[in-house]
Amino acid sequence: MKKGLIVYLTDSNTLPMTFDADEALAALSLSCDHSVLAASAEGFYDIPEAWHLMLTRGMQYISCIKGRFNESGDIELYGEPLRLYG
């Protein structure tokens, strides 16, 4: 079963100046087959768009978890994952 994870940035107004979403997700070492960042800021997927992307890529289990930037500019996850599909 392919697992996908949407990381929703709750404080997307404080993006670091040089932010690379792929590097940020890789640094999290997530245990899933595919992950996507979502946020309310321009240039990011919103949760329904990210969910649709996961479905079209064959994910059979999709969850969403909140993320925020810590003092060093890295993303830290908090809260419990919410199962959206599967």
PDB file of N, CA and C in Angstrom:
ATOM      1  N   MET A   1       0.837  -1.171   0.000  1.00  0.00           N
ATOM      2  CA  MET A   1       0.000   0.000   0.000  1.00  0.00           C
ATOM      3  C   MET A   1       0.891   1.245   0.000  1.00  0.00           C
ATOM      4  N   LYS A   2       0.663   2.140  -0.963  1.00  0.00           N
ATOM      5  CA  LYS A   2       1.455   3.364  -1.066  1.00  0.00           C
ATOM      6  C   LYS A   2       0.898   4.426  -0.124  1.00  0.00           C
ATOM      7  N   LYS A   3       1.805   5.040   0.652  1.00  0.00           N
ATOM      8  CA  LYS A   3       1.404   6.024   1.650  1.00  0.00           C
ATOM      9  C   LYS A   3       1.884   7.418   1.251  1.00  0.00           C
ATOM     10  N   GLY A   4       0.988   8.379   1.388  1.00  0.00           N
ATOM     11  CA  GLY A   4       1.313   9.772   1.109  1.00  0.00           C
ATOM     12  C   GLY A   4       1.062  10.626   2.332  1.00  0.00           C
ATOM     13  N   LEU A   5       1.841  11.703   2.463  1.00  0.00           N
ATOM     14  CA  LEU A   5       1.702  12.600   3.606  1.00  0.00           C
ATOM     15  C   LEU A   5       1.713  14.045   3.117  1.00  0.00           C
ATOM     16  N   ILE A   6       0.704  14.795   3.533  1.00  0.00           N
ATOM     17  CA  ILE A   6       0.635  16.224   3.264  1.00  0.00           C
ATOM     18  C   ILE A   6       1.092  16.943   4.523  1.00  0.00           C
ATOM     19  N   VAL A   7       2.102  17.785   4.405  1.00  0.00           N
ATOM     20  CA  VAL A   7       2.581  18.591   5.526  1.00  0.00           C
ATOM     21  C   VAL A   7       2.025  19.995   5.321  1.00  0.00           C
ATOM     22  N   TYR A   8       1.100  20.401   6.194  1.00  0.00           N
ATOM     23  CA  TYR A   8       0.473  21.710   6.077  1.00  0.00           C
ATOM     24  C   TYR A   8       1.219  22.712   6.954  1.00  0.00           C
ATOM     25  N   LEU A   9       1.805  23.720   6.303  1.00  0.00           N
ATOM     26  CA  LEU A   9       2.556  24.751   7.022  1.00  0.00           C
ATOM     27  C   LEU A   9       1.572  25.763   7.596  1.00  0.00           C
ATOM     28  N   THR A  10       1.476  25.804   8.911  1.00  0.00           N
ATOM     29  CA  THR A  10       0.497  26.675   9.556  1.00  0.00           C
ATOM     30  C   THR A  10       0.957  28.124   9.606  1.00  0.00           C
ATOM     31  N   ASP A  11       2.249  28.361   9.529  1.00  0.00           N
ATOM     32  CA  ASP A  11       2.774  29.730   9.604  1.00  0.00           C
ATOM     33  C   ASP A  11       3.568  30.010   8.334  1.00  0.00           C
ATOM     34  N   SER A  12       2.897  29.969   7.192  1.00  0.00           N
ATOM     35  CA  SER A  12       3.597  30.108   5.915  1.00  0.00           C
ATOM     36  C   SER A  12       4.009  31.546   5.615  1.00  0.00           C
ATOM     37  N   ASN A  13       3.616  32.499   6.460  1.00  0.00           N
ATOM     38  CA  ASN A  13       4.013  33.892   6.252  1.00  0.00           C
ATOM     39  C   ASN A  13       5.454  34.141   6.664  1.00  0.00           C
ATOM     40  N   THR A  14       6.056  33.197   7.377  1.00  0.00           N
ATOM     41  CA  THR A  14       7.430  33.377   7.847  1.00  0.00           C
ATOM     42  C   THR A  14       8.387  32.436   7.119  1.00  0.00           C
ATOM     43  N   LEU A  15       8.216  32.302   5.810  1.00  0.00           N
ATOM     44  CA  LEU A  15       9.113  31.434   5.029  1.00  0.00           C
ATOM     45  C   LEU A  15      10.533  31.991   5.065  1.00  0.00           C
ATOM     46  N   PRO A  16      11.531  31.115   5.219  1.00  0.00           N
ATOM     47  CA  PRO A  16      12.917  31.578   5.121  1.00  0.00           C
ATOM     48  C   PRO A  16      13.184  32.156   3.731  1.00  0.00           C
ATOM     49  N   MET A  17      14.144  33.057   3.629  1.00  0.00           N
ATOM     50  CA  MET A  17      14.450  33.714   2.351  1.00  0.00           C
ATOM     51  C   MET A  17      14.794  32.708   1.263  1.00  0.00           C
ATOM     52  N   THR A  18      15.621  31.735   1.575  1.00  0.00           N
ATOM     53  CA  THR A  18      15.989  30.702   0.600  1.00  0.00           C
ATOM     54  C   THR A  18      15.342  29.403   1.037  1.00  0.00           C
ATOM     55  N   PHE A  19      14.157  29.146   0.523  1.00  0.00           N
ATOM     56  CA  PHE A  19      13.400  27.972   0.932  1.00  0.00           C
ATOM     57  C   PHE A  19      13.245  27.029  -0.244  1.00  0.00           C
ATOM     58  N   ASP A  20      13.653  25.785  -0.062  1.00  0.00           N
ATOM     59  CA  ASP A  20      13.490  24.742  -1.071  1.00  0.00           C
ATOM     60  C   ASP A  20      12.607  23.655  -0.466  1.00  0.00           C
ATOM     61  N   ALA A  21      11.392  23.517  -1.005  1.00  0.00           N
ATOM     62  CA  ALA A  21      10.423  22.577  -0.444  1.00  0.00           C
ATOM     63  C   ALA A  21      10.930  21.145  -0.494  1.00  0.00           C
ATOM     64  N   ASP A  22      11.579  20.753  -1.582  1.00  0.00           N
ATOM     65  CA  ASP A  22      12.081  19.382  -1.690  1.00  0.00           C
ATOM     66  C   ASP A  22      13.143  19.089  -0.645  1.00  0.00           C
ATOM     67  N   GLU A  23      14.057  20.027  -0.434  1.00  0.00           N
ATOM     68  CA  GLU A  23      15.091  19.843   0.592  1.00  0.00           C
ATOM     69  C   GLU A  23      14.472  19.788   1.988  1.00  0.00           C
ATOM     70  N   ALA A  24      13.477  20.642   2.219  1.00  0.00           N
ATOM     71  CA  ALA A  24      12.826  20.677   3.534  1.00  0.00           C
ATOM     72  C   ALA A  24      12.132  19.353   3.834  1.00  0.00           C
ATOM     73  N   LEU A  25      11.452  18.787   2.835  1.00  0.00           N
ATOM     74  CA  LEU A  25      10.787  17.494   3.034  1.00  0.00           C
ATOM     75  C   LEU A  25      11.797  16.370   3.215  1.00  0.00           C
ATOM     76  N   ALA A  26      12.898  16.405   2.463  1.00  0.00           N
ATOM     77  CA  ALA A  26      13.929  15.377   2.590  1.00  0.00           C
ATOM     78  C   ALA A  26      14.562  15.409   3.983  1.00  0.00           C
ATOM     79  N   ALA A  27      14.716  16.597   4.546  1.00  0.00           N
ATOM     80  CA  ALA A  27      15.329  16.730   5.872  1.00  0.00           C
ATOM     81  C   ALA A  27      14.434  16.149   6.971  1.00  0.00           C
ATOM     82  N   LEU A  28      13.138  16.018   6.701  1.00  0.00           N
ATOM     83  CA  LEU A  28      12.224  15.477   7.716  1.00  0.00           C
ATOM     84  C   LEU A  28      12.321  13.963   7.863  1.00  0.00           C
ATOM     85  N   SER A  29      12.884  13.270   6.884  1.00  0.00           N
ATOM     86  CA  SER A  29      13.015  11.805   6.911  1.00  0.00           C
ATOM     87  C   SER A  29      11.668  11.144   7.227  1.00  0.00           C
ATOM     88  N   LEU A  30      10.690  11.424   6.398  1.00  0.00           N
ATOM     89  CA  LEU A  30       9.342  10.895   6.599  1.00  0.00           C
ATOM     90  C   LEU A  30       9.245   9.453   6.138  1.00  0.00           C
ATOM     91  N   SER A  31       8.426   8.670   6.820  1.00  0.00           N
ATOM     92  CA  SER A  31       8.233   7.268   6.441  1.00  0.00           C
ATOM     93  C   SER A  31       6.979   7.146   5.566  1.00  0.00           C
ATOM     94  N   CYS A  32       7.102   7.618   4.328  1.00  0.00           N
ATOM     95  CA  CYS A  32       5.999   7.539   3.379  1.00  0.00           C
ATOM     96  C   CYS A  32       6.581   7.449   1.966  1.00  0.00           C
ATOM     97  N   ASP A  33       5.732   7.109   1.016  1.00  0.00           N
ATOM     98  CA  ASP A  33       6.187   6.982  -0.368  1.00  0.00           C
ATOM     99  C   ASP A  33       6.242   8.322  -1.087  1.00  0.00           C
ATOM    100  N   HIS A  34       5.398   9.250  -0.703  1.00  0.00           N
ATOM    101  CA  HIS A  34       5.373  10.572  -1.340  1.00  0.00           C
ATOM    102  C   HIS A  34       4.893  11.599  -0.332  1.00  0.00           C
ATOM    103  N   SER A  35       5.513  12.778  -0.340  1.00  0.00           N
ATOM    104  CA  SER A  35       5.088  13.847   0.562  1.00  0.00           C
ATOM    105  C   SER A  35       5.010  15.156  -0.217  1.00  0.00           C
ATOM    106  N   VAL A  36       4.133  16.033   0.254  1.00  0.00           N
ATOM    107  CA  VAL A  36       3.882  17.318  -0.396  1.00  0.00           C
ATOM    108  C   VAL A  36       3.676  18.373   0.682  1.00  0.00           C
ATOM    109  N   LEU A  37       4.189  19.576   0.427  1.00  0.00           N
ATOM    110  CA  LEU A  37       3.919  20.696   1.314  1.00  0.00           C
ATOM    111  C   LEU A  37       2.668  21.422   0.850  1.00  0.00           C
ATOM    112  N   ALA A  38       1.835  21.813   1.789  1.00  0.00           N
ATOM    113  CA  ALA A  38       0.651  22.618   1.513  1.00  0.00           C
ATOM    114  C   ALA A  38       0.666  23.811   2.463  1.00  0.00           C
ATOM    115  N   ALA A  39       0.105  24.923   2.001  1.00  0.00           N
ATOM    116  CA  ALA A  39       0.047  26.129   2.831  1.00  0.00           C
ATOM    117  C   ALA A  39      -0.966  27.082   2.239  1.00  0.00           C
ATOM    118  N   SER A  40      -1.290  28.115   3.003  1.00  0.00           N
ATOM    119  CA  SER A  40      -2.210  29.121   2.492  1.00  0.00           C
ATOM    120  C   SER A  40      -1.487  30.177   1.667  1.00  0.00           C
ATOM    121  N   ALA A  41      -0.165  30.164   1.678  1.00  0.00           N
ATOM    122  CA  ALA A  41       0.624  31.147   0.935  1.00  0.00           C
ATOM    123  C   ALA A  41       0.595  30.856  -0.566  1.00  0.00           C
ATOM    124  N   GLU A  42       0.788  31.893  -1.340  1.00  0.00           N
ATOM    125  CA  GLU A  42       0.809  31.750  -2.791  1.00  0.00           C
ATOM    126  C   GLU A  42       1.995  30.882  -3.210  1.00  0.00           C
ATOM    127  N   GLY A  43       1.775  30.022  -4.194  1.00  0.00           N
ATOM    128  CA  GLY A  43       2.832  29.151  -4.691  1.00  0.00           C
ATOM    129  C   GLY A  43       2.831  27.764  -4.081  1.00  0.00           C
ATOM    130  N   PHE A  44       1.941  27.520  -3.143  1.00  0.00           N
ATOM    131  CA  PHE A  44       1.828  26.211  -2.508  1.00  0.00           C
ATOM    132  C   PHE A  44       0.494  25.581  -2.871  1.00  0.00           C
ATOM    133  N   TYR A  45       0.447  24.264  -2.801  1.00  0.00           N
ATOM    134  CA  TYR A  45      -0.835  23.569  -2.915  1.00  0.00           C
ATOM    135  C   TYR A  45      -1.675  23.889  -1.689  1.00  0.00           C
ATOM    136  N   ASP A  46      -3.003  23.869  -1.850  1.00  0.00           N
ATOM    137  CA  ASP A  46      -3.843  23.833  -0.665  1.00  0.00           C
ATOM    138  C   ASP A  46      -4.136  22.348  -0.402  1.00  0.00           C
ATOM    139  N   ILE A  47      -4.796  22.028   0.673  1.00  0.00           N
ATOM    140  CA  ILE A  47      -4.962  20.622   1.052  1.00  0.00           C
ATOM    141  C   ILE A  47      -5.745  19.828   0.004  1.00  0.00           C
ATOM    142  N   PRO A  48      -6.870  20.338  -0.536  1.00  0.00           N
ATOM    143  CA  PRO A  48      -7.572  19.552  -1.570  1.00  0.00           C
ATOM    144  C   PRO A  48      -6.726  19.308  -2.831  1.00  0.00           C
ATOM    145  N   GLU A  49      -5.933  20.307  -3.237  1.00  0.00           N
ATOM    146  CA  GLU A  49      -5.058  20.109  -4.396  1.00  0.00           C
ATOM    147  C   GLU A  49      -3.994  19.057  -4.117  1.00  0.00           C
ATOM    148  N   ALA A  50      -3.402  19.114  -2.928  1.00  0.00           N
ATOM    149  CA  ALA A  50      -2.381  18.136  -2.561  1.00  0.00           C
ATOM    150  C   ALA A  50      -2.977  16.734  -2.471  1.00  0.00           C
ATOM    151  N   TRP A  51      -4.175  16.633  -1.950  1.00  0.00           N
ATOM    152  CA  TRP A  51      -4.876  15.354  -1.850  1.00  0.00           C
ATOM    153  C   TRP A  51      -5.125  14.785  -3.238  1.00  0.00           C
ATOM    154  N   HIS A  52      -5.594  15.610  -4.165  1.00  0.00           N
ATOM    155  CA  HIS A  52      -5.834  15.163  -5.538  1.00  0.00           C
ATOM    156  C   HIS A  52      -4.529  14.717  -6.201  1.00  0.00           C
ATOM    157  N   LEU A  53      -3.453  15.457  -5.973  1.00  0.00           N
ATOM    158  CA  LEU A  53      -2.144  15.068  -6.518  1.00  0.00           C
ATOM    159  C   LEU A  53      -1.732  13.690  -6.014  1.00  0.00           C
ATOM    160  N   MET A  54      -1.933  13.450  -4.735  1.00  0.00           N
ATOM    161  CA  MET A  54      -1.595  12.149  -4.154  1.00  0.00           C
ATOM    162  C   MET A  54      -2.415  11.026  -4.797  1.00  0.00           C
ATOM    163  N   LEU A  55      -3.716  11.276  -4.976  1.00  0.00           N
ATOM    164  CA  LEU A  55      -4.577  10.262  -5.592  1.00  0.00           C
ATOM    165  C   LEU A  55      -4.126   9.944  -7.010  1.00  0.00           C
ATOM    166  N   THR A  56      -3.772  10.972  -7.780  1.00  0.00           N
ATOM    167  CA  THR A  56      -3.351  10.740  -9.161  1.00  0.00           C
ATOM    168  C   THR A  56      -1.996  10.051  -9.237  1.00  0.00           C
ATOM    169  N   ARG A  57      -1.219  10.109  -8.182  1.00  0.00           N
ATOM    170  CA  ARG A  57       0.075   9.415  -8.135  1.00  0.00           C
ATOM    171  C   ARG A  57      -0.035   8.031  -7.513  1.00  0.00           C
ATOM    172  N   GLY A  58      -1.266   7.579  -7.275  1.00  0.00           N
ATOM    173  CA  GLY A  58      -1.490   6.210  -6.827  1.00  0.00           C
ATOM    174  C   GLY A  58      -1.385   5.961  -5.343  1.00  0.00           C
ATOM    175  N   MET A  59      -1.441   7.011  -4.528  1.00  0.00           N
ATOM    176  CA  MET A  59      -1.390   6.815  -3.079  1.00  0.00           C
ATOM    177  C   MET A  59      -2.702   6.197  -2.617  1.00  0.00           C
ATOM    178  N   GLN A  60      -2.591   5.172  -1.789  1.00  0.00           N
ATOM    179  CA  GLN A  60      -3.776   4.473  -1.296  1.00  0.00           C
ATOM    180  C   GLN A  60      -4.088   4.831   0.156  1.00  0.00           C
ATOM    181  N   TYR A  61      -3.201   5.541   0.800  1.00  0.00           N
ATOM    182  CA  TYR A  61      -3.369   5.972   2.186  1.00  0.00           C
ATOM    183  C   TYR A  61      -2.782   7.382   2.262  1.00  0.00           C
ATOM    184  N   ILE A  62      -3.598   8.369   2.588  1.00  0.00           N
ATOM    185  CA  ILE A  62      -3.137   9.759   2.623  1.00  0.00           C
ATOM    186  C   ILE A  62      -3.451  10.354   3.991  1.00  0.00           C
ATOM    187  N   SER A  63      -2.437  10.977   4.578  1.00  0.00           N
ATOM    188  CA  SER A  63      -2.596  11.650   5.864  1.00  0.00           C
ATOM    189  C   SER A  63      -2.112  13.087   5.743  1.00  0.00           C
ATOM    190  N   CYS A  64      -2.512  13.896   6.704  1.00  0.00           N
ATOM    191  CA  CYS A  64      -2.088  15.295   6.756  1.00  0.00           C
ATOM    192  C   CYS A  64      -1.617  15.588   8.176  1.00  0.00           C
ATOM    193  N   ILE A  65      -0.515  16.324   8.277  1.00  0.00           N
ATOM    194  CA  ILE A  65       0.005  16.723   9.586  1.00  0.00           C
ATOM    195  C   ILE A  65       0.438  18.179   9.510  1.00  0.00           C
ATOM    196  N   LYS A  66       0.383  18.863  10.636  1.00  0.00           N
ATOM    197  CA  LYS A  66       0.770  20.271  10.678  1.00  0.00           C
ATOM    198  C   LYS A  66       2.287  20.392  10.834  1.00  0.00           C
ATOM    199  N   GLY A  67       2.811  21.443  10.236  1.00  0.00           N
ATOM    200  CA  GLY A  67       4.231  21.742  10.359  1.00  0.00           C
ATOM    201  C   GLY A  67       4.427  23.235  10.555  1.00  0.00           C
ATOM    202  N   ARG A  68       5.527  23.597  11.175  1.00  0.00           N
ATOM    203  CA  ARG A  68       5.868  25.008  11.370  1.00  0.00           C
ATOM    204  C   ARG A  68       7.389  25.134  11.324  1.00  0.00           C
ATOM    205  N   PHE A  69       7.856  26.343  11.145  1.00  0.00           N
ATOM    206  CA  PHE A  69       9.291  26.582  11.111  1.00  0.00           C
ATOM    207  C   PHE A  69       9.823  26.784  12.520  1.00  0.00           C
ATOM    208  N   ASN A  70      10.954  26.131  12.801  1.00  0.00           N
ATOM    209  CA  ASN A  70      11.591  26.350  14.099  1.00  0.00           C
ATOM    210  C   ASN A  70      12.576  27.508  13.982  1.00  0.00           C
ATOM    211  N   GLU A  71      13.325  27.778  15.035  1.00  0.00           N
ATOM    212  CA  GLU A  71      14.231  28.924  15.058  1.00  0.00           C
ATOM    213  C   GLU A  71      15.337  28.836  14.019  1.00  0.00           C
ATOM    214  N   SER A  72      15.741  27.619  13.658  1.00  0.00           N
ATOM    215  CA  SER A  72      16.817  27.469  12.672  1.00  0.00           C
ATOM    216  C   SER A  72      16.291  27.461  11.234  1.00  0.00           C
ATOM    217  N   GLY A  73      14.969  27.629  11.056  1.00  0.00           N
ATOM    218  CA  GLY A  73      14.395  27.688   9.721  1.00  0.00           C
ATOM    219  C   GLY A  73      14.008  26.348   9.135  1.00  0.00           C
ATOM    220  N   ASP A  74      14.101  25.283   9.940  1.00  0.00           N
ATOM    221  CA  ASP A  74      13.689  23.957   9.493  1.00  0.00           C
ATOM    222  C   ASP A  74      12.226  23.727   9.866  1.00  0.00           C
ATOM    223  N   ILE A  75      11.599  22.795   9.160  1.00  0.00           N
ATOM    224  CA  ILE A  75      10.210  22.464   9.471  1.00  0.00           C
ATOM    225  C   ILE A  75      10.178  21.442  10.604  1.00  0.00           C
ATOM    226  N   GLU A  76       9.331  21.700  11.576  1.00  0.00           N
ATOM    227  CA  GLU A  76       9.092  20.703  12.626  1.00  0.00           C
ATOM    228  C   GLU A  76       7.613  20.345  12.583  1.00  0.00           C
ATOM    229  N   LEU A  77       7.345  19.071  12.722  1.00  0.00           N
ATOM    230  CA  LEU A  77       5.970  18.573  12.689  1.00  0.00           C
ATOM    231  C   LEU A  77       5.387  18.603  14.090  1.00  0.00           C
ATOM    232  N   TYR A  78       4.098  18.874  14.191  1.00  0.00           N
ATOM    233  CA  TYR A  78       3.445  18.832  15.502  1.00  0.00           C
ATOM    234  C   TYR A  78       2.001  18.373  15.336  1.00  0.00           C
ATOM    235  N   GLY A  79       1.446  17.888  16.413  1.00  0.00           N
ATOM    236  CA  GLY A  79       0.088  17.365  16.383  1.00  0.00           C
ATOM    237  C   GLY A  79       0.071  15.935  15.870  1.00  0.00           C
ATOM    238  N   GLU A  80      -1.100  15.385  15.803  1.00  0.00           N
ATOM    239  CA  GLU A  80      -1.286  14.014  15.321  1.00  0.00           C
ATOM    240  C   GLU A  80      -1.668  14.038  13.845  1.00  0.00           C
ATOM    241  N   PRO A  81      -1.186  13.067  13.065  1.00  0.00           N
ATOM    242  CA  PRO A  81      -1.604  13.004  11.656  1.00  0.00           C
ATOM    243  C   PRO A  81      -3.103  12.727  11.546  1.00  0.00           C
ATOM    244  N   LEU A  82      -3.723  13.359  10.580  1.00  0.00           N
ATOM    245  CA  LEU A  82      -5.141  13.177  10.310  1.00  0.00           C
ATOM    246  C   LEU A  82      -5.282  12.362   9.031  1.00  0.00           C
ATOM    247  N   ARG A  83      -5.937  11.227   9.110  1.00  0.00           N
ATOM    248  CA  ARG A  83      -6.122  10.380   7.925  1.00  0.00           C
ATOM    249  C   ARG A  83      -7.187  10.999   7.032  1.00  0.00           C
ATOM    250  N   LEU A  84      -6.829  11.238   5.776  1.00  0.00           N
ATOM    251  CA  LEU A  84      -7.755  11.822   4.819  1.00  0.00           C
ATOM    252  C   LEU A  84      -8.360  10.783   3.885  1.00  0.00           C
ATOM    253  N   TYR A  85      -7.618   9.705   3.647  1.00  0.00           N
ATOM    254  CA  TYR A  85      -8.052   8.707   2.666  1.00  0.00           C
ATOM    255  C   TYR A  85      -7.367   7.380   2.958  1.00  0.00           C
ATOM    256  N   GLY A  86      -8.085   6.305   2.820  1.00  0.00           N
ATOM    257  CA  GLY A  86      -7.504   4.973   2.941  1.00  0.00           C
ATOM    258  C   GLY A  86      -7.665   4.328   4.285  1.00  0.00           C
TER     259      GLY A  86
END
